[in-house]
Amino acid sequence: MLQIISPKDPFDAIVVGSGATGGWAAKKLTAAGMRVALLEAGKKITPRDFTEHKRAWQLPYLGMSPKIRQERPIQSLCYACRESNYERFVNDRENPYTQEKPFHWIRQRVLGGRSMSWGRQSYRMSGQRLSAGNGDDLRRAYFAESRDGQNGARGDDRTRGYPH
């Protein structure tokens, strides 16, 4: 539902999108005392809308709907754009963009962003991958958040290997 709000005081920051990155940015900015406007173009989905785990025989086109490629030629290149959830992805015909070089811009219009196409899971990166070439600042900040339990990550900075 569209909400129009006219605040008396201006916002300190505007965050576009409530996905993994936008939601985290809004959290950090508000925790720092800033007034933040969080803009979202997508609709809220309910547990009934989580249909990714339906079997092909439960879908009208057995998982091969011709509408996906017709309406979403770019979005359909994403592994997660399937008959069970393709309506969450942007209709490329209605929302075109210009490409100077080939680029597949995968976009969703759903509260929570693209994280909804990953089965609502975001795996953490290991300290080894975070510190590759950039020193340890990013690594320390990431694992400090992990230890505080703020980002839902598990493990510590001694973890080797890849996401778990």
C-alpha atoms as a PDB file:
ATOM      1  CA  MET A   1       0.000   0.000   0.000  1.00  0.00           C
ATOM      2  CA  LEU A   2       1.357   3.406  -0.971  1.00  0.00           C
ATOM      3  CA  GLN A   3       2.116   5.648   1.984  1.00  0.00           C
ATOM      4  CA  ILE A   4       2.824   9.340   1.592  1.00  0.00           C
ATOM      5  CA  ILE A   5       4.355  10.995   4.628  1.00  0.00           C
ATOM      6  CA  SER A   6       5.348  14.658   4.885  1.00  0.00           C
ATOM      7  CA  PRO A   7       7.707  14.933   7.853  1.00  0.00           C
ATOM      8  CA  LYS A   8       8.408  18.317   9.433  1.00  0.00           C
ATOM      9  CA  ASP A   9      12.122  17.563   9.836  1.00  0.00           C
ATOM     10  CA  PRO A  10      14.251  16.395   6.913  1.00  0.00           C
ATOM     11  CA  PHE A  11      15.832  12.947   6.880  1.00  0.00           C
ATOM     12  CA  ASP A  12      19.576  12.592   7.338  1.00  0.00           C
ATOM     13  CA  ALA A  13      19.740   9.692   4.903  1.00  0.00           C
ATOM     14  CA  ILE A  14      17.582   7.846   2.401  1.00  0.00           C
ATOM     15  CA  VAL A  15      18.079   4.112   1.911  1.00  0.00           C
ATOM     16  CA  VAL A  16      16.576   2.530  -1.189  1.00  0.00           C
ATOM     17  CA  GLY A  17      15.578  -1.102  -0.712  1.00  0.00           C
ATOM     18  CA  SER A  18      15.065  -3.198   2.387  1.00  0.00           C
ATOM     19  CA  GLY A  19      17.100  -6.199   1.260  1.00  0.00           C
ATOM     20  CA  ALA A  20      20.186  -7.526   3.002  1.00  0.00           C
ATOM     21  CA  THR A  21      22.286  -4.445   2.249  1.00  0.00           C
ATOM     22  CA  GLY A  22      19.606  -1.764   2.532  1.00  0.00           C
ATOM     23  CA  GLY A  23      18.179  -3.182   5.732  1.00  0.00           C
ATOM     24  CA  TRP A  24      21.625  -3.384   7.302  1.00  0.00           C
ATOM     25  CA  ALA A  25      22.491   0.165   6.194  1.00  0.00           C
ATOM     26  CA  ALA A  26      19.251   1.500   7.702  1.00  0.00           C
ATOM     27  CA  LYS A  27      19.948  -0.349  10.966  1.00  0.00           C
ATOM     28  CA  LYS A  28      23.476   1.042  11.267  1.00  0.00           C
ATOM     29  CA  LEU A  29      22.434   4.604  10.381  1.00  0.00           C
ATOM     30  CA  THR A  30      19.530   4.675  12.834  1.00  0.00           C
ATOM     31  CA  ALA A  31      21.732   3.145  15.545  1.00  0.00           C
ATOM     32  CA  ALA A  32      24.076   6.088  14.979  1.00  0.00           C
ATOM     33  CA  GLY A  33      21.165   8.463  15.691  1.00  0.00           C
ATOM     34  CA  MET A  34      20.310   9.447  12.129  1.00  0.00           C
ATOM     35  CA  ARG A  35      16.784   9.982  10.821  1.00  0.00           C
ATOM     36  CA  VAL A  36      16.433   7.511   7.948  1.00  0.00           C
ATOM     37  CA  ALA A  37      13.802   7.127   5.247  1.00  0.00           C
ATOM     38  CA  LEU A  38      13.694   3.538   3.983  1.00  0.00           C
ATOM     39  CA  LEU A  39      12.090   3.292   0.535  1.00  0.00           C
ATOM     40  CA  GLU A  40      10.765  -0.008  -0.767  1.00  0.00           C
ATOM     41  CA  ALA A  41       9.146  -0.686  -4.144  1.00  0.00           C
ATOM     42  CA  GLY A  42       8.186  -4.269  -3.411  1.00  0.00           C
ATOM     43  CA  LYS A  43       5.201  -5.771  -1.730  1.00  0.00           C
ATOM     44  CA  LYS A  44       5.264  -7.644   1.531  1.00  0.00           C
ATOM     45  CA  ILE A  45       5.001 -11.357   1.013  1.00  0.00           C
ATOM     46  CA  THR A  46       3.304 -13.763   3.365  1.00  0.00           C
ATOM     47  CA  PRO A  47       4.187 -17.382   4.185  1.00  0.00           C
ATOM     48  CA  ARG A  48       1.600 -18.431   1.593  1.00  0.00           C
ATOM     49  CA  ASP A  49       3.671 -16.613  -1.061  1.00  0.00           C
ATOM     50  CA  PHE A  50       6.767 -18.750  -0.419  1.00  0.00           C
ATOM     51  CA  THR A  51       6.274 -21.169  -3.274  1.00  0.00           C
ATOM     52  CA  GLU A  52       9.875 -21.927  -4.294  1.00  0.00           C
ATOM     53  CA  HIS A  53       9.678 -25.406  -2.828  1.00  0.00           C
ATOM     54  CA  LYS A  54       6.666 -26.534  -4.832  1.00  0.00           C
ATOM     55  CA  ARG A  55       7.287 -29.522  -7.073  1.00  0.00           C
ATOM     56  CA  ALA A  56       6.992 -29.081 -10.855  1.00  0.00           C
ATOM     57  CA  TRP A  57       3.825 -31.201 -10.970  1.00  0.00           C
ATOM     58  CA  GLN A  58       2.164 -28.712  -8.600  1.00  0.00           C
ATOM     59  CA  LEU A  59       2.647 -25.805 -11.047  1.00  0.00           C
ATOM     60  CA  PRO A  60       0.389 -24.926 -14.023  1.00  0.00           C
ATOM     61  CA  TYR A  61       3.156 -25.358 -16.627  1.00  0.00           C
ATOM     62  CA  LEU A  62       5.122 -28.036 -14.740  1.00  0.00           C
ATOM     63  CA  GLY A  63       7.884 -25.506 -14.080  1.00  0.00           C
ATOM     64  CA  MET A  64       8.238 -24.485 -17.741  1.00  0.00           C
ATOM     65  CA  SER A  65       5.954 -21.453 -18.054  1.00  0.00           C
ATOM     66  CA  PRO A  66       6.451 -19.653 -21.399  1.00  0.00           C
ATOM     67  CA  LYS A  67       5.536 -16.353 -19.703  1.00  0.00           C
ATOM     68  CA  ILE A  68       8.858 -16.240 -17.844  1.00  0.00           C
ATOM     69  CA  ARG A  69      11.035 -15.907 -20.970  1.00  0.00           C
ATOM     70  CA  GLN A  70       8.492 -13.683 -22.736  1.00  0.00           C
ATOM     71  CA  GLU A  71       8.089 -11.129 -19.938  1.00  0.00           C
ATOM     72  CA  ARG A  72      11.453 -11.508 -18.196  1.00  0.00           C
ATOM     73  CA  PRO A  73      14.141 -12.370 -20.773  1.00  0.00           C
ATOM     74  CA  ILE A  74      16.942 -11.045 -18.540  1.00  0.00           C
ATOM     75  CA  GLN A  75      15.510 -12.048 -15.170  1.00  0.00           C
ATOM     76  CA  SER A  76      14.928 -15.582 -16.461  1.00  0.00           C
ATOM     77  CA  LEU A  77      18.713 -15.975 -16.811  1.00  0.00           C
ATOM     78  CA  CYS A  78      18.923 -16.021 -13.006  1.00  0.00           C
ATOM     79  CA  TYR A  79      18.864 -19.532 -11.559  1.00  0.00           C
ATOM     80  CA  ALA A  80      16.314 -18.453  -8.958  1.00  0.00           C
ATOM     81  CA  CYS A  81      13.714 -17.075 -11.395  1.00  0.00           C
ATOM     82  CA  ARG A  82      11.298 -19.985 -11.730  1.00  0.00           C
ATOM     83  CA  GLU A  83       7.642 -20.523 -12.404  1.00  0.00           C
ATOM     84  CA  SER A  84       6.996 -20.713  -8.684  1.00  0.00           C
ATOM     85  CA  ASN A  85       8.293 -17.192  -7.990  1.00  0.00           C
ATOM     86  CA  TYR A  86       8.926 -15.321 -11.263  1.00  0.00           C
ATOM     87  CA  GLU A  87       6.295 -12.683 -10.468  1.00  0.00           C
ATOM     88  CA  ARG A  88       8.615 -11.271  -7.784  1.00  0.00           C
ATOM     89  CA  PHE A  89      11.186 -10.481 -10.461  1.00  0.00           C
ATOM     90  CA  VAL A  90      10.923  -7.285 -12.501  1.00  0.00           C
ATOM     91  CA  ASN A  91       9.127  -7.525 -15.828  1.00  0.00           C
ATOM     92  CA  ASP A  92      11.945  -6.620 -18.245  1.00  0.00           C
ATOM     93  CA  ARG A  93       9.499  -5.487 -20.943  1.00  0.00           C
ATOM     94  CA  GLU A  94       7.857  -2.966 -18.595  1.00  0.00           C
ATOM     95  CA  ASN A  95      11.154  -1.911 -16.940  1.00  0.00           C
ATOM     96  CA  PRO A  96      13.813  -1.750 -19.668  1.00  0.00           C
ATOM     97  CA  TYR A  97      17.310  -0.374 -19.183  1.00  0.00           C
ATOM     98  CA  THR A  98      20.129   0.605 -21.546  1.00  0.00           C
ATOM     99  CA  GLN A  99      23.237  -1.521 -21.799  1.00  0.00           C
ATOM    100  CA  GLU A 100      26.473  -0.231 -23.303  1.00  0.00           C
ATOM    101  CA  LYS A 101      28.166  -3.497 -22.402  1.00  0.00           C
ATOM    102  CA  PRO A 102      26.335  -6.749 -21.704  1.00  0.00           C
ATOM    103  CA  PHE A 103      25.041  -6.681 -18.155  1.00  0.00           C
ATOM    104  CA  HIS A 104      22.316  -8.797 -16.605  1.00  0.00           C
ATOM    105  CA  TRP A 105      20.641  -6.660 -13.952  1.00  0.00           C
ATOM    106  CA  ILE A 106      18.666  -9.054 -11.772  1.00  0.00           C
ATOM    107  CA  ARG A 107      15.951  -7.102  -9.960  1.00  0.00           C
ATOM    108  CA  GLN A 108      13.114  -8.031  -7.657  1.00  0.00           C
ATOM    109  CA  ARG A 109      10.197  -6.031  -6.387  1.00  0.00           C
ATOM    110  CA  VAL A 110       9.604  -7.637  -3.026  1.00  0.00           C
ATOM    111  CA  LEU A 111      10.079  -6.588   0.578  1.00  0.00           C
ATOM    112  CA  GLY A 112      13.431  -8.085   1.502  1.00  0.00           C
ATOM    113  CA  GLY A 113      14.967  -7.794  -1.954  1.00  0.00           C
ATOM    114  CA  ARG A 114      16.972 -10.490  -3.686  1.00  0.00           C
ATOM    115  CA  SER A 115      17.575 -12.297  -0.419  1.00  0.00           C
ATOM    116  CA  MET A 116      14.075 -13.682  -0.987  1.00  0.00           C
ATOM    117  CA  SER A 117      15.395 -15.546  -4.030  1.00  0.00           C
ATOM    118  CA  TRP A 118      18.147 -17.238  -1.997  1.00  0.00           C
ATOM    119  CA  GLY A 119      15.698 -19.120   0.179  1.00  0.00           C
ATOM    120  CA  ARG A 120      16.105 -16.253   2.666  1.00  0.00           C
ATOM    121  CA  GLN A 121      19.649 -17.383   3.461  1.00  0.00           C
ATOM    122  CA  SER A 122      22.796 -15.290   3.324  1.00  0.00           C
ATOM    123  CA  TYR A 123      25.969 -17.199   4.004  1.00  0.00           C
ATOM    124  CA  ARG A 124      28.828 -15.432   5.722  1.00  0.00           C
ATOM    125  CA  MET A 125      32.243 -15.071   4.168  1.00  0.00           C
ATOM    126  CA  SER A 126      35.309 -16.475   5.834  1.00  0.00           C
ATOM    127  CA  GLY A 127      38.005 -14.200   7.243  1.00  0.00           C
ATOM    128  CA  GLN A 128      40.341 -15.528   4.560  1.00  0.00           C
ATOM    129  CA  ARG A 129      38.098 -14.199   1.782  1.00  0.00           C
ATOM    130  CA  LEU A 130      37.368 -10.895   3.545  1.00  0.00           C
ATOM    131  CA  SER A 131      41.021 -10.014   4.019  1.00  0.00           C
ATOM    132  CA  ALA A 132      42.178 -10.953   0.517  1.00  0.00           C
ATOM    133  CA  GLY A 133      44.209  -7.910  -0.499  1.00  0.00           C
ATOM    134  CA  ASN A 134      42.487  -5.328   1.718  1.00  0.00           C
ATOM    135  CA  GLY A 135      44.114  -5.774   5.088  1.00  0.00           C
ATOM    136  CA  ASP A 136      42.136  -6.696   8.160  1.00  0.00           C
ATOM    137  CA  ASP A 137      39.845  -3.690   8.739  1.00  0.00           C
ATOM    138  CA  LEU A 138      36.844  -5.125   6.901  1.00  0.00           C
ATOM    139  CA  ARG A 139      37.452  -8.528   8.432  1.00  0.00           C
ATOM    140  CA  ARG A 140      37.579  -7.156  11.983  1.00  0.00           C
ATOM    141  CA  ALA A 141      34.417  -5.093  11.519  1.00  0.00           C
ATOM    142  CA  TYR A 142      32.513  -8.043  10.051  1.00  0.00           C
ATOM    143  CA  PHE A 143      33.499 -10.462  12.793  1.00  0.00           C
ATOM    144  CA  ALA A 144      32.859  -7.870  15.529  1.00  0.00           C
ATOM    145  CA  GLU A 145      29.249  -7.739  14.275  1.00  0.00           C
ATOM    146  CA  SER A 146      29.171 -11.561  14.220  1.00  0.00           C
ATOM    147  CA  ARG A 147      30.306 -11.853  17.829  1.00  0.00           C
ATOM    148  CA  ASP A 148      27.642  -9.388  18.887  1.00  0.00           C
ATOM    149  CA  GLY A 149      25.066 -11.582  17.162  1.00  0.00           C
ATOM    150  CA  GLN A 150      23.795  -8.645  15.139  1.00  0.00           C
ATOM    151  CA  ASN A 151      24.135 -10.119  11.667  1.00  0.00           C
ATOM    152  CA  GLY A 152      23.071 -13.685  12.392  1.00  0.00           C
ATOM    153  CA  ALA A 153      26.461 -15.087  11.363  1.00  0.00           C
ATOM    154  CA  ARG A 154      28.010 -18.000  13.197  1.00  0.00           C
ATOM    155  CA  GLY A 155      31.666 -18.825  13.768  1.00  0.00           C
ATOM    156  CA  ASP A 156      34.617 -16.588  14.422  1.00  0.00           C
ATOM    157  CA  ASP A 157      37.593 -15.097  12.624  1.00  0.00           C
ATOM    158  CA  ARG A 158      39.610 -18.310  12.983  1.00  0.00           C
ATOM    159  CA  THR A 159      37.209 -19.997  10.578  1.00  0.00           C
ATOM    160  CA  ARG A 160      38.931 -21.133   7.423  1.00  0.00           C
ATOM    161  CA  GLY A 161      37.343 -22.015   4.161  1.00  0.00           C
ATOM    162  CA  TYR A 162      34.271 -20.686   2.490  1.00  0.00           C
ATOM    163  CA  PRO A 163      30.762 -19.785   3.533  1.00  0.00           C
ATOM    164  CA  HIS A 164      29.120 -22.103   6.017  1.00  0.00           C
END
